[in-house]
Amino acid sequence: FQTFSGTKSITGTTAVTIFSLSRTNGAHTGIVMITKSDSGDSAAGIFSFSANYDAAASLSAMNTSVAGYTGFTLSTVVNGNGITFKLAHGNAGTTKNYTYTVLYGGSLNVGTPTLY
């Protein structure tokens, strides 16, 4: 089990890689907590994920709070024993600041995170 966190500024609506995970056995599981706290545009979300070797990841929104502000989406791409997480927001032409925290584990051989 491990935790890590990072920040990312995103401009436009194109999905941007925020972090990736690699593990020798290819199985991943965890929780991602994301907040966007810009003046006049705040939102938050909690997502759970799991993925097996070279198979599509299961990503579920556990709780999100947009409350009239611009939402965001989290997506994944699996390649062999790695999983990449991408974040996009729905406000073209603007830059928004995100903070994320990841609880990652479920195996004795916890993988290696790479932050972008």
PDB file of N, CA and C in Angstrom:
ATOM      1  N   PHE A   1       0.844  -1.181   0.000  1.00  0.00           N
ATOM      2  CA  PHE A   1       0.000   0.000   0.000  1.00  0.00           C
ATOM      3  C   PHE A   1       0.881   1.233   0.000  1.00  0.00           C
ATOM      4  N   GLN A   2       0.517   2.215  -0.822  1.00  0.00           N
ATOM      5  CA  GLN A   2       1.237   3.490  -0.818  1.00  0.00           C
ATOM      6  C   GLN A   2       0.290   4.618  -1.182  1.00  0.00           C
ATOM      7  N   THR A   3       0.673   5.816  -0.829  1.00  0.00           N
ATOM      8  CA  THR A   3      -0.074   7.011  -1.211  1.00  0.00           C
ATOM      9  C   THR A   3       0.877   7.947  -1.935  1.00  0.00           C
ATOM     10  N   PHE A   4       0.338   8.703  -2.862  1.00  0.00           N
ATOM     11  CA  PHE A   4       1.102   9.760  -3.511  1.00  0.00           C
ATOM     12  C   PHE A   4       0.134  10.826  -3.980  1.00  0.00           C
ATOM     13  N   SER A   5       0.648  12.003  -4.242  1.00  0.00           N
ATOM     14  CA  SER A   5      -0.204  13.100  -4.695  1.00  0.00           C
ATOM     15  C   SER A   5       0.563  13.980  -5.659  1.00  0.00           C
ATOM     16  N   GLY A   6      -0.198  14.785  -6.390  1.00  0.00           N
ATOM     17  CA  GLY A   6       0.408  15.691  -7.348  1.00  0.00           C
ATOM     18  C   GLY A   6      -0.560  16.797  -7.720  1.00  0.00           C
ATOM     19  N   THR A   7      -0.072  17.711  -8.529  1.00  0.00           N
ATOM     20  CA  THR A   7      -0.885  18.809  -9.031  1.00  0.00           C
ATOM     21  C   THR A   7      -0.720  18.884 -10.537  1.00  0.00           C
ATOM     22  N   LYS A   8      -1.723  19.424 -11.207  1.00  0.00           N
ATOM     23  CA  LYS A   8      -1.654  19.559 -12.663  1.00  0.00           C
ATOM     24  C   LYS A   8      -2.519  20.731 -13.092  1.00  0.00           C
ATOM     25  N   SER A   9      -1.986  21.606 -13.921  1.00  0.00           N
ATOM     26  CA  SER A   9      -2.756  22.668 -14.569  1.00  0.00           C
ATOM     27  C   SER A   9      -3.124  22.179 -15.954  1.00  0.00           C
ATOM     28  N   ILE A  10      -4.406  22.295 -16.310  1.00  0.00           N
ATOM     29  CA  ILE A  10      -4.892  21.787 -17.590  1.00  0.00           C
ATOM     30  C   ILE A  10      -5.564  22.913 -18.350  1.00  0.00           C
ATOM     31  N   THR A  11      -5.170  23.088 -19.605  1.00  0.00           N
ATOM     32  CA  THR A  11      -5.751  24.103 -20.473  1.00  0.00           C
ATOM     33  C   THR A  11      -6.563  23.409 -21.564  1.00  0.00           C
ATOM     34  N   GLY A  12      -7.783  23.880 -21.781  1.00  0.00           N
ATOM     35  CA  GLY A  12      -8.626  23.308 -22.832  1.00  0.00           C
ATOM     36  C   GLY A  12      -9.270  22.010 -22.408  1.00  0.00           C
ATOM     37  N   THR A  13      -9.900  21.341 -23.374  1.00  0.00           N
ATOM     38  CA  THR A  13     -10.694  20.153 -23.074  1.00  0.00           C
ATOM     39  C   THR A  13     -10.018  18.828 -23.437  1.00  0.00           C
ATOM     40  N   THR A  14      -8.782  18.861 -23.922  1.00  0.00           N
ATOM     41  CA  THR A  14      -8.068  17.634 -24.286  1.00  0.00           C
ATOM     42  C   THR A  14      -7.579  16.917 -23.030  1.00  0.00           C
ATOM     43  N   ALA A  15      -7.778  15.603 -22.957  1.00  0.00           N
ATOM     44  CA  ALA A  15      -7.325  14.817 -21.807  1.00  0.00           C
ATOM     45  C   ALA A  15      -5.804  14.846 -21.702  1.00  0.00           C
ATOM     46  N   VAL A  16      -5.307  15.064 -20.491  1.00  0.00           N
ATOM     47  CA  VAL A  16      -3.882  15.170 -20.214  1.00  0.00           C
ATOM     48  C   VAL A  16      -3.489  14.081 -19.222  1.00  0.00           C
ATOM     49  N   THR A  17      -2.364  13.404 -19.468  1.00  0.00           N
ATOM     50  CA  THR A  17      -1.886  12.386 -18.549  1.00  0.00           C
ATOM     51  C   THR A  17      -1.449  13.042 -17.245  1.00  0.00           C
ATOM     52  N   ILE A  18      -1.982  12.520 -16.110  1.00  0.00           N
ATOM     53  CA  ILE A  18      -1.584  13.071 -14.811  1.00  0.00           C
ATOM     54  C   ILE A  18      -0.665  12.120 -14.044  1.00  0.00           C
ATOM     55  N   PHE A  19      -0.860  10.794 -14.192  1.00  0.00           N
ATOM     56  CA  PHE A  19       0.066   9.834 -13.602  1.00  0.00           C
ATOM     57  C   PHE A  19      -0.134   8.469 -14.245  1.00  0.00           C
ATOM     58  N   SER A  20       0.862   7.605 -14.063  1.00  0.00           N
ATOM     59  CA  SER A  20       0.752   6.230 -14.529  1.00  0.00           C
ATOM     60  C   SER A  20       1.316   5.303 -13.454  1.00  0.00           C
ATOM     61  N   LEU A  21       0.918   4.036 -13.534  1.00  0.00           N
ATOM     62  CA  LEU A  21       1.374   3.018 -12.587  1.00  0.00           C
ATOM     63  C   LEU A  21       1.891   1.826 -13.370  1.00  0.00           C
ATOM     64  N   SER A  22       2.978   1.221 -12.900  1.00  0.00           N
ATOM     65  CA  SER A  22       3.452  -0.018 -13.504  1.00  0.00           C
ATOM     66  C   SER A  22       3.754  -1.006 -12.392  1.00  0.00           C
ATOM     67  N   ARG A  23       3.483  -2.277 -12.676  1.00  0.00           N
ATOM     68  CA  ARG A  23       3.663  -3.329 -11.685  1.00  0.00           C
ATOM     69  C   ARG A  23       4.010  -4.604 -12.429  1.00  0.00           C
ATOM     70  N   THR A  24       4.904  -5.411 -11.872  1.00  0.00           N
ATOM     71  CA  THR A  24       5.357  -6.611 -12.571  1.00  0.00           C
ATOM     72  C   THR A  24       4.249  -7.630 -12.788  1.00  0.00           C
ATOM     73  N   ASN A  25       3.254  -7.708 -11.897  1.00  0.00           N
ATOM     74  CA  ASN A  25       2.201  -8.693 -12.102  1.00  0.00           C
ATOM     75  C   ASN A  25       0.998  -8.131 -12.847  1.00  0.00           C
ATOM     76  N   GLY A  26       0.978  -6.858 -13.109  1.00  0.00           N
ATOM     77  CA  GLY A  26      -0.054  -6.266 -13.942  1.00  0.00           C
ATOM     78  C   GLY A  26      -1.372  -5.969 -13.277  1.00  0.00           C
ATOM     79  N   ALA A  27      -1.592  -6.357 -12.019  1.00  0.00           N
ATOM     80  CA  ALA A  27      -2.854  -6.077 -11.333  1.00  0.00           C
ATOM     81  C   ALA A  27      -2.741  -4.783 -10.530  1.00  0.00           C
ATOM     82  N   HIS A  28      -3.759  -3.936 -10.642  1.00  0.00           N
ATOM     83  CA  HIS A  28      -3.753  -2.645  -9.969  1.00  0.00           C
ATOM     84  C   HIS A  28      -5.101  -2.409  -9.302  1.00  0.00           C
ATOM     85  N   THR A  29      -5.098  -1.715  -8.184  1.00  0.00           N
ATOM     86  CA  THR A  29      -6.336  -1.285  -7.552  1.00  0.00           C
ATOM     87  C   THR A  29      -6.059  -0.055  -6.702  1.00  0.00           C
ATOM     88  N   GLY A  30      -7.072   0.809  -6.557  1.00  0.00           N
ATOM     89  CA  GLY A  30      -6.862   1.986  -5.735  1.00  0.00           C
ATOM     90  C   GLY A  30      -8.008   2.967  -5.799  1.00  0.00           C
ATOM     91  N   ILE A  31      -7.780   4.102  -5.170  1.00  0.00           N
ATOM     92  CA  ILE A  31      -8.744   5.202  -5.113  1.00  0.00           C
ATOM     93  C   ILE A  31      -8.019   6.489  -5.486  1.00  0.00           C
ATOM     94  N   VAL A  32      -8.650   7.302  -6.340  1.00  0.00           N
ATOM     95  CA  VAL A  32      -8.104   8.597  -6.753  1.00  0.00           C
ATOM     96  C   VAL A  32      -9.061   9.685  -6.278  1.00  0.00           C
ATOM     97  N   MET A  33      -8.540  10.660  -5.525  1.00  0.00           N
ATOM     98  CA  MET A  33      -9.322  11.806  -5.066  1.00  0.00           C
ATOM     99  C   MET A  33      -8.814  13.046  -5.798  1.00  0.00           C
ATOM    100  N   ILE A  34      -9.716  13.763  -6.463  1.00  0.00           N
ATOM    101  CA  ILE A  34      -9.328  14.913  -7.278  1.00  0.00           C
ATOM    102  C   ILE A  34     -10.119  16.142  -6.831  1.00  0.00           C
ATOM    103  N   THR A  35      -9.434  17.266  -6.710  1.00  0.00           N
ATOM    104  CA  THR A  35     -10.106  18.537  -6.436  1.00  0.00           C
ATOM    105  C   THR A  35      -9.638  19.589  -7.419  1.00  0.00           C
ATOM    106  N   LYS A  36     -10.562  20.440  -7.796  1.00  0.00           N
ATOM    107  CA  LYS A  36     -10.278  21.632  -8.604  1.00  0.00           C
ATOM    108  C   LYS A  36     -10.786  22.800  -7.773  1.00  0.00           C
ATOM    109  N   SER A  37      -9.890  23.649  -7.322  1.00  0.00           N
ATOM    110  CA  SER A  37     -10.270  24.732  -6.425  1.00  0.00           C
ATOM    111  C   SER A  37      -9.831  26.078  -6.982  1.00  0.00           C
ATOM    112  N   ASP A  38     -10.373  26.418  -8.137  1.00  0.00           N
ATOM    113  CA  ASP A  38     -10.108  27.733  -8.719  1.00  0.00           C
ATOM    114  C   ASP A  38     -11.211  28.689  -8.288  1.00  0.00           C
ATOM    115  N   SER A  39     -10.881  29.937  -8.134  1.00  0.00           N
ATOM    116  CA  SER A  39     -11.865  30.932  -7.739  1.00  0.00           C
ATOM    117  C   SER A  39     -13.030  30.943  -8.720  1.00  0.00           C
ATOM    118  N   GLY A  40     -14.236  30.721  -8.210  1.00  0.00           N
ATOM    119  CA  GLY A  40     -15.421  30.725  -9.049  1.00  0.00           C
ATOM    120  C   GLY A  40     -15.664  29.450  -9.825  1.00  0.00           C
ATOM    121  N   ASP A  41     -14.826  28.421  -9.644  1.00  0.00           N
ATOM    122  CA  ASP A  41     -15.002  27.161 -10.374  1.00  0.00           C
ATOM    123  C   ASP A  41     -14.345  26.025  -9.591  1.00  0.00           C
ATOM    124  N   SER A  42     -15.072  25.452  -8.651  1.00  0.00           N
ATOM    125  CA  SER A  42     -14.541  24.377  -7.812  1.00  0.00           C
ATOM    126  C   SER A  42     -15.354  23.100  -8.018  1.00  0.00           C
ATOM    127  N   ALA A  43     -14.680  21.973  -7.983  1.00  0.00           N
ATOM    128  CA  ALA A  43     -15.345  20.674  -8.109  1.00  0.00           C
ATOM    129  C   ALA A  43     -14.451  19.619  -7.479  1.00  0.00           C
ATOM    130  N   ALA A  44     -15.045  18.472  -7.124  1.00  0.00           N
ATOM    131  CA  ALA A  44     -14.281  17.397  -6.497  1.00  0.00           C
ATOM    132  C   ALA A  44     -14.856  16.053  -6.928  1.00  0.00           C
ATOM    133  N   GLY A  45     -14.013  15.026  -6.886  1.00  0.00           N
ATOM    134  CA  GLY A  45     -14.473  13.688  -7.226  1.00  0.00           C
ATOM    135  C   GLY A  45     -13.601  12.620  -6.592  1.00  0.00           C
ATOM    136  N   ILE A  46     -14.214  11.480  -6.297  1.00  0.00           N
ATOM    137  CA  ILE A  46     -13.504  10.309  -5.792  1.00  0.00           C
ATOM    138  C   ILE A  46     -13.807   9.157  -6.746  1.00  0.00           C
ATOM    139  N   PHE A  47     -12.755   8.481  -7.209  1.00  0.00           N
ATOM    140  CA  PHE A  47     -12.885   7.407  -8.190  1.00  0.00           C
ATOM    141  C   PHE A  47     -12.175   6.158  -7.680  1.00  0.00           C
ATOM    142  N   SER A  48     -12.759   4.993  -7.903  1.00  0.00           N
ATOM    143  CA  SER A  48     -12.073   3.738  -7.607  1.00  0.00           C
ATOM    144  C   SER A  48     -11.658   3.101  -8.931  1.00  0.00           C
ATOM    145  N   PHE A  49     -10.553   2.330  -8.892  1.00  0.00           N
ATOM    146  CA  PHE A  49     -10.098   1.673 -10.111  1.00  0.00           C
ATOM    147  C   PHE A  49      -9.530   0.296  -9.804  1.00  0.00           C
ATOM    148  N   SER A  50      -9.603  -0.560 -10.819  1.00  0.00           N
ATOM    149  CA  SER A  50      -8.912  -1.846 -10.783  1.00  0.00           C
ATOM    150  C   SER A  50      -8.638  -2.248 -12.228  1.00  0.00           C
ATOM    151  N   ALA A  51      -7.530  -2.951 -12.427  1.00  0.00           N
ATOM    152  CA  ALA A  51      -7.169  -3.401 -13.771  1.00  0.00           C
ATOM    153  C   ALA A  51      -6.289  -4.634 -13.668  1.00  0.00           C
ATOM    154  N   ASN A  52      -6.421  -5.521 -14.635  1.00  0.00           N
ATOM    155  CA  ASN A  52      -5.580  -6.703 -14.737  1.00  0.00           C
ATOM    156  C   ASN A  52      -4.668  -6.562 -15.944  1.00  0.00           C
ATOM    157  N   TYR A  53      -3.723  -7.482 -16.081  1.00  0.00           N
ATOM    158  CA  TYR A  53      -2.749  -7.421 -17.157  1.00  0.00           C
ATOM    159  C   TYR A  53      -3.417  -7.283 -18.527  1.00  0.00           C
ATOM    160  N   ASP A  54      -3.075  -6.207 -19.225  1.00  0.00           N
ATOM    161  CA  ASP A  54      -3.468  -5.975 -20.617  1.00  0.00           C
ATOM    162  C   ASP A  54      -4.981  -6.048 -20.852  1.00  0.00           C
ATOM    163  N   ALA A  55      -5.783  -5.674 -19.854  1.00  0.00           N
ATOM    164  CA  ALA A  55      -7.241  -5.681 -19.979  1.00  0.00           C
ATOM    165  C   ALA A  55      -7.780  -4.297 -19.620  1.00  0.00           C
ATOM    166  N   ALA A  56      -8.931  -3.965 -20.133  1.00  0.00           N
ATOM    167  CA  ALA A  56      -9.541  -2.667 -19.848  1.00  0.00           C
ATOM    168  C   ALA A  56      -9.709  -2.481 -18.346  1.00  0.00           C
ATOM    169  N   ALA A  57      -9.459  -1.270 -17.886  1.00  0.00           N
ATOM    170  CA  ALA A  57      -9.590  -0.963 -16.465  1.00  0.00           C
ATOM    171  C   ALA A  57     -11.043  -0.706 -16.104  1.00  0.00           C
ATOM    172  N   SER A  58     -11.385  -1.026 -14.876  1.00  0.00           N
ATOM    173  CA  SER A  58     -12.681  -0.663 -14.325  1.00  0.00           C
ATOM    174  C   SER A  58     -12.469   0.619 -13.523  1.00  0.00           C
ATOM    175  N   LEU A  59     -13.139   1.688 -13.923  1.00  0.00           N
ATOM    176  CA  LEU A  59     -13.015   2.982 -13.264  1.00  0.00           C
ATOM    177  C   LEU A  59     -14.416   3.445 -12.913  1.00  0.00           C
ATOM    178  N   SER A  60     -14.666   3.703 -11.629  1.00  0.00           N
ATOM    179  CA  SER A  60     -16.002   4.091 -11.178  1.00  0.00           C
ATOM    180  C   SER A  60     -15.941   5.373 -10.364  1.00  0.00           C
ATOM    181  N   ALA A  61     -16.853   6.285 -10.665  1.00  0.00           N
ATOM    182  CA  ALA A  61     -16.982   7.492  -9.852  1.00  0.00           C
ATOM    183  C   ALA A  61     -17.733   7.114  -8.581  1.00  0.00           C
ATOM    184  N   MET A  62     -17.082   7.234  -7.445  1.00  0.00           N
ATOM    185  CA  MET A  62     -17.711   6.904  -6.170  1.00  0.00           C
ATOM    186  C   MET A  62     -18.547   8.079  -5.656  1.00  0.00           C
ATOM    187  N   ASN A  63     -18.041   9.278  -5.886  1.00  0.00           N
ATOM    188  CA  ASN A  63     -18.719  10.476  -5.416  1.00  0.00           C
ATOM    189  C   ASN A  63     -18.137  11.662  -6.167  1.00  0.00           C
ATOM    190  N   THR A  64     -18.976  12.496  -6.737  1.00  0.00           N
ATOM    191  CA  THR A  64     -18.511  13.712  -7.391  1.00  0.00           C
ATOM    192  C   THR A  64     -19.392  14.874  -6.961  1.00  0.00           C
ATOM    193  N   SER A  65     -18.801  16.053  -6.888  1.00  0.00           N
ATOM    194  CA  SER A  65     -19.537  17.246  -6.528  1.00  0.00           C
ATOM    195  C   SER A  65     -19.124  18.381  -7.456  1.00  0.00           C
ATOM    196  N   VAL A  66     -19.997  18.709  -8.387  1.00  0.00           N
ATOM    197  CA  VAL A  66     -19.723  19.781  -9.339  1.00  0.00           C
ATOM    198  C   VAL A  66     -20.525  21.024  -8.975  1.00  0.00           C
ATOM    199  N   ALA A  67     -21.753  20.839  -8.522  1.00  0.00           N
ATOM    200  CA  ALA A  67     -22.613  21.912  -7.987  1.00  0.00           C
ATOM    201  C   ALA A  67     -22.677  23.141  -8.887  1.00  0.00           C
ATOM    202  N   GLY A  68     -22.935  22.927 -10.178  1.00  0.00           N
ATOM    203  CA  GLY A  68     -23.099  24.051 -11.086  1.00  0.00           C
ATOM    204  C   GLY A  68     -21.808  24.572 -11.698  1.00  0.00           C
ATOM    205  N   TYR A  69     -20.669  24.046 -11.249  1.00  0.00           N
ATOM    206  CA  TYR A  69     -19.389  24.464 -11.825  1.00  0.00           C
ATOM    207  C   TYR A  69     -19.012  23.526 -12.969  1.00  0.00           C
ATOM    208  N   THR A  70     -17.898  23.805 -13.628  1.00  0.00           N
ATOM    209  CA  THR A  70     -17.446  22.993 -14.750  1.00  0.00           C
ATOM    210  C   THR A  70     -16.938  21.647 -14.253  1.00  0.00           C
ATOM    211  N   GLY A  71     -17.441  20.564 -14.816  1.00  0.00           N
ATOM    212  CA  GLY A  71     -17.031  19.227 -14.410  1.00  0.00           C
ATOM    213  C   GLY A  71     -15.718  18.811 -15.045  1.00  0.00           C
ATOM    214  N   PHE A  72     -15.267  17.620 -14.671  1.00  0.00           N
ATOM    215  CA  PHE A  72     -14.058  17.038 -15.243  1.00  0.00           C
ATOM    216  C   PHE A  72     -14.260  15.536 -15.362  1.00  0.00           C
ATOM    217  N   THR A  73     -13.423  14.902 -16.191  1.00  0.00           N
ATOM    218  CA  THR A  73     -13.504  13.458 -16.363  1.00  0.00           C
ATOM    219  C   THR A  73     -12.128  12.829 -16.156  1.00  0.00           C
ATOM    220  N   LEU A  74     -12.131  11.653 -15.555  1.00  0.00           N
ATOM    221  CA  LEU A  74     -10.927  10.858 -15.381  1.00  0.00           C
ATOM    222  C   LEU A  74     -11.085   9.623 -16.255  1.00  0.00           C
ATOM    223  N   SER A  75     -10.043   9.275 -16.994  1.00  0.00           N
ATOM    224  CA  SER A  75     -10.082   8.086 -17.843  1.00  0.00           C
ATOM    225  C   SER A  75      -8.775   7.317 -17.697  1.00  0.00           C
ATOM    226  N   THR A  76      -8.772   6.061 -18.177  1.00  0.00           N
ATOM    227  CA  THR A  76      -7.585   5.216 -18.076  1.00  0.00           C
ATOM    228  C   THR A  76      -7.259   4.563 -19.415  1.00  0.00           C
ATOM    229  N   VAL A  77      -5.984   4.241 -19.570  1.00  0.00           N
ATOM    230  CA  VAL A  77      -5.503   3.461 -20.707  1.00  0.00           C
ATOM    231  C   VAL A  77      -4.588   2.386 -20.129  1.00  0.00           C
ATOM    232  N   VAL A  78      -4.834   1.111 -20.467  1.00  0.00           N
ATOM    233  CA  VAL A  78      -4.019   0.003 -19.979  1.00  0.00           C
ATOM    234  C   VAL A  78      -3.138  -0.495 -21.115  1.00  0.00           C
ATOM    235  N   ASN A  79      -1.860  -0.725 -20.803  1.00  0.00           N
ATOM    236  CA  ASN A  79      -0.921  -1.255 -21.785  1.00  0.00           C
ATOM    237  C   ASN A  79      -0.029  -2.265 -21.073  1.00  0.00           C
ATOM    238  N   GLY A  80      -0.273  -3.566 -21.278  1.00  0.00           N
ATOM    239  CA  GLY A  80       0.514  -4.597 -20.595  1.00  0.00           C
ATOM    240  C   GLY A  80       0.321  -4.509 -19.098  1.00  0.00           C
ATOM    241  N   ASN A  81       1.419  -4.303 -18.345  1.00  0.00           N
ATOM    242  CA  ASN A  81       1.317  -4.221 -16.897  1.00  0.00           C
ATOM    243  C   ASN A  81       1.277  -2.781 -16.389  1.00  0.00           C
ATOM    244  N   GLY A  82       0.949  -1.831 -17.276  1.00  0.00           N
ATOM    245  CA  GLY A  82       0.862  -0.434 -16.873  1.00  0.00           C
ATOM    246  C   GLY A  82      -0.534   0.123 -17.060  1.00  0.00           C
ATOM    247  N   ILE A  83      -0.859   1.158 -16.300  1.00  0.00           N
ATOM    248  CA  ILE A  83      -2.126   1.855 -16.426  1.00  0.00           C
ATOM    249  C   ILE A  83      -1.850   3.355 -16.340  1.00  0.00           C
ATOM    250  N   THR A  84      -2.397   4.102 -17.307  1.00  0.00           N
ATOM    251  CA  THR A  84      -2.193   5.546 -17.387  1.00  0.00           C
ATOM    252  C   THR A  84      -3.516   6.250 -17.091  1.00  0.00           C
ATOM    253  N   PHE A  85      -3.461   7.320 -16.299  1.00  0.00           N
ATOM    254  CA  PHE A  85      -4.648   8.082 -15.917  1.00  0.00           C
ATOM    255  C   PHE A  85      -4.620   9.438 -16.595  1.00  0.00           C
ATOM    256  N   LYS A  86      -5.755   9.794 -17.223  1.00  0.00           N
ATOM    257  CA  LYS A  86      -5.866  11.053 -17.943  1.00  0.00           C
ATOM    258  C   LYS A  86      -7.030  11.868 -17.384  1.00  0.00           C
ATOM    259  N   LEU A  87      -6.825  13.177 -17.316  1.00  0.00           N
ATOM    260  CA  LEU A  87      -7.819  14.086 -16.767  1.00  0.00           C
ATOM    261  C   LEU A  87      -8.152  15.146 -17.815  1.00  0.00           C
ATOM    262  N   ALA A  88      -9.438  15.448 -17.950  1.00  0.00           N
ATOM    263  CA  ALA A  88      -9.890  16.492 -18.871  1.00  0.00           C
ATOM    264  C   ALA A  88     -10.964  17.311 -18.184  1.00  0.00           C
ATOM    265  N   HIS A  89     -11.027  18.590 -18.523  1.00  0.00           N
ATOM    266  CA  HIS A  89     -12.129  19.410 -18.011  1.00  0.00           C
ATOM    267  C   HIS A  89     -12.904  20.004 -19.162  1.00  0.00           C
ATOM    268  N   GLY A  90     -14.126  20.420 -18.883  1.00  0.00           N
ATOM    269  CA  GLY A  90     -15.045  20.808 -19.942  1.00  0.00           C
ATOM    270  C   GLY A  90     -15.112  22.282 -20.244  1.00  0.00           C
ATOM    271  N   ASN A  91     -14.024  23.010 -20.031  1.00  0.00           N
ATOM    272  CA  ASN A  91     -14.065  24.447 -20.242  1.00  0.00           C
ATOM    273  C   ASN A  91     -12.965  24.848 -21.228  1.00  0.00           C
ATOM    274  N   ALA A  92     -13.302  24.889 -22.513  1.00  0.00           N
ATOM    275  CA  ALA A  92     -12.323  25.191 -23.567  1.00  0.00           C
ATOM    276  C   ALA A  92     -11.731  26.586 -23.376  1.00  0.00           C
ATOM    277  N   GLY A  93     -10.457  26.701 -23.630  1.00  0.00           N
ATOM    278  CA  GLY A  93      -9.797  28.000 -23.610  1.00  0.00           C
ATOM    279  C   GLY A  93      -9.427  28.516 -22.238  1.00  0.00           C
ATOM    280  N   THR A  94      -9.653  27.735 -21.188  1.00  0.00           N
ATOM    281  CA  THR A  94      -9.280  28.170 -19.850  1.00  0.00           C
ATOM    282  C   THR A  94      -8.290  27.184 -19.243  1.00  0.00           C
ATOM    283  N   THR A  95      -7.549  27.649 -18.251  1.00  0.00           N
ATOM    284  CA  THR A  95      -6.628  26.801 -17.506  1.00  0.00           C
ATOM    285  C   THR A  95      -7.179  26.611 -16.108  1.00  0.00           C
ATOM    286  N   LYS A  96      -7.252  25.361 -15.669  1.00  0.00           N
ATOM    287  CA  LYS A  96      -7.743  25.030 -14.333  1.00  0.00           C
ATOM    288  C   LYS A  96      -6.680  24.246 -13.593  1.00  0.00           C
ATOM    289  N   ASN A  97      -6.648  24.404 -12.279  1.00  0.00           N
ATOM    290  CA  ASN A  97      -5.636  23.769 -11.434  1.00  0.00           C
ATOM    291  C   ASN A  97      -6.254  22.635 -10.627  1.00  0.00           C
ATOM    292  N   TYR A  98      -5.650  21.456 -10.720  1.00  0.00           N
ATOM    293  CA  TYR A  98      -6.144  20.260 -10.057  1.00  0.00           C
ATOM    294  C   TYR A  98      -5.103  19.726  -9.076  1.00  0.00           C
ATOM    295  N   THR A  99      -5.601  19.151  -7.999  1.00  0.00           N
ATOM    296  CA  THR A  99      -4.779  18.426  -7.033  1.00  0.00           C
ATOM    297  C   THR A  99      -5.360  17.028  -6.923  1.00  0.00           C
ATOM    298  N   TYR A 100      -4.497  16.011  -6.883  1.00  0.00           N
ATOM    299  CA  TYR A 100      -4.986  14.645  -6.745  1.00  0.00           C
ATOM    300  C   TYR A 100      -4.170  13.894  -5.702  1.00  0.00           C
ATOM    301  N   THR A 101      -4.842  12.967  -5.034  1.00  0.00           N
ATOM    302  CA  THR A 101      -4.211  12.060  -4.077  1.00  0.00           C
ATOM    303  C   THR A 101      -4.653  10.650  -4.433  1.00  0.00           C
ATOM    304  N   VAL A 102      -3.706   9.709  -4.419  1.00  0.00           N
ATOM    305  CA  VAL A 102      -3.990   8.333  -4.816  1.00  0.00           C
ATOM    306  C   VAL A 102      -3.645   7.393  -3.661  1.00  0.00           C
ATOM    307  N   LEU A 103      -4.594   6.510  -3.322  1.00  0.00           N
ATOM    308  CA  LEU A 103      -4.351   5.397  -2.410  1.00  0.00           C
ATOM    309  C   LEU A 103      -4.211   4.173  -3.295  1.00  0.00           C
ATOM    310  N   TYR A 104      -3.037   3.557  -3.297  1.00  0.00           N
ATOM    311  CA  TYR A 104      -2.708   2.529  -4.276  1.00  0.00           C
ATOM    312  C   TYR A 104      -2.162   1.299  -3.567  1.00  0.00           C
ATOM    313  N   GLY A 105      -2.700   0.135  -3.892  1.00  0.00           N
ATOM    314  CA  GLY A 105      -2.183  -1.066  -3.251  1.00  0.00           C
ATOM    315  C   GLY A 105      -2.984  -2.293  -3.572  1.00  0.00           C
ATOM    316  N   GLY A 106      -3.026  -3.184  -2.605  1.00  0.00           N
ATOM    317  CA  GLY A 106      -3.751  -4.421  -2.762  1.00  0.00           C
ATOM    318  C   GLY A 106      -2.855  -5.606  -3.040  1.00  0.00           C
ATOM    319  N   SER A 107      -1.555  -5.406  -3.093  1.00  0.00           N
ATOM    320  CA  SER A 107      -0.623  -6.490  -3.388  1.00  0.00           C
ATOM    321  C   SER A 107       0.645  -6.291  -2.576  1.00  0.00           C
ATOM    322  N   LEU A 108       1.370  -7.378  -2.338  1.00  0.00           N
ATOM    323  CA  LEU A 108       2.657  -7.249  -1.649  1.00  0.00           C
ATOM    324  C   LEU A 108       3.681  -6.534  -2.513  1.00  0.00           C
ATOM    325  N   ASN A 109       3.521  -6.623  -3.843  1.00  0.00           N
ATOM    326  CA  ASN A 109       4.454  -5.994  -4.776  1.00  0.00           C
ATOM    327  C   ASN A 109       3.828  -4.733  -5.355  1.00  0.00           C
ATOM    328  N   VAL A 110       3.783  -3.681  -4.524  1.00  0.00           N
ATOM    329  CA  VAL A 110       3.176  -2.420  -4.974  1.00  0.00           C
ATOM    330  C   VAL A 110       4.012  -1.869  -6.118  1.00  0.00           C
ATOM    331  N   GLY A 111       3.336  -1.337  -7.129  1.00  0.00           N
ATOM    332  CA  GLY A 111       3.992  -0.857  -8.331  1.00  0.00           C
ATOM    333  C   GLY A 111       4.662   0.496  -8.163  1.00  0.00           C
ATOM    334  N   THR A 112       5.094   1.044  -9.287  1.00  0.00           N
ATOM    335  CA  THR A 112       5.823   2.305  -9.312  1.00  0.00           C
ATOM    336  C   THR A 112       4.988   3.380  -9.964  1.00  0.00           C
ATOM    337  N   PRO A 113       4.687   4.480  -9.239  1.00  0.00           N
ATOM    338  CA  PRO A 113       3.962   5.583  -9.862  1.00  0.00           C
ATOM    339  C   PRO A 113       4.909   6.531 -10.590  1.00  0.00           C
ATOM    340  N   THR A 114       4.439   7.085 -11.693  1.00  0.00           N
ATOM    341  CA  THR A 114       5.139   8.144 -12.414  1.00  0.00           C
ATOM    342  C   THR A 114       4.191   9.323 -12.531  1.00  0.00           C
ATOM    343  N   LEU A 115       4.604  10.493 -12.049  1.00  0.00           N
ATOM    344  CA  LEU A 115       3.780  11.691 -12.092  1.00  0.00           C
ATOM    345  C   LEU A 115       4.190  12.526 -13.291  1.00  0.00           C
ATOM    346  N   TYR A 116       3.197  13.130 -13.966  1.00  0.00           N
ATOM    347  CA  TYR A 116       3.476  13.952 -15.142  1.00  0.00           C
ATOM    348  C   TYR A 116       3.124  15.390 -14.881  1.00  0.00           C
TER     349      TYR A 116
END
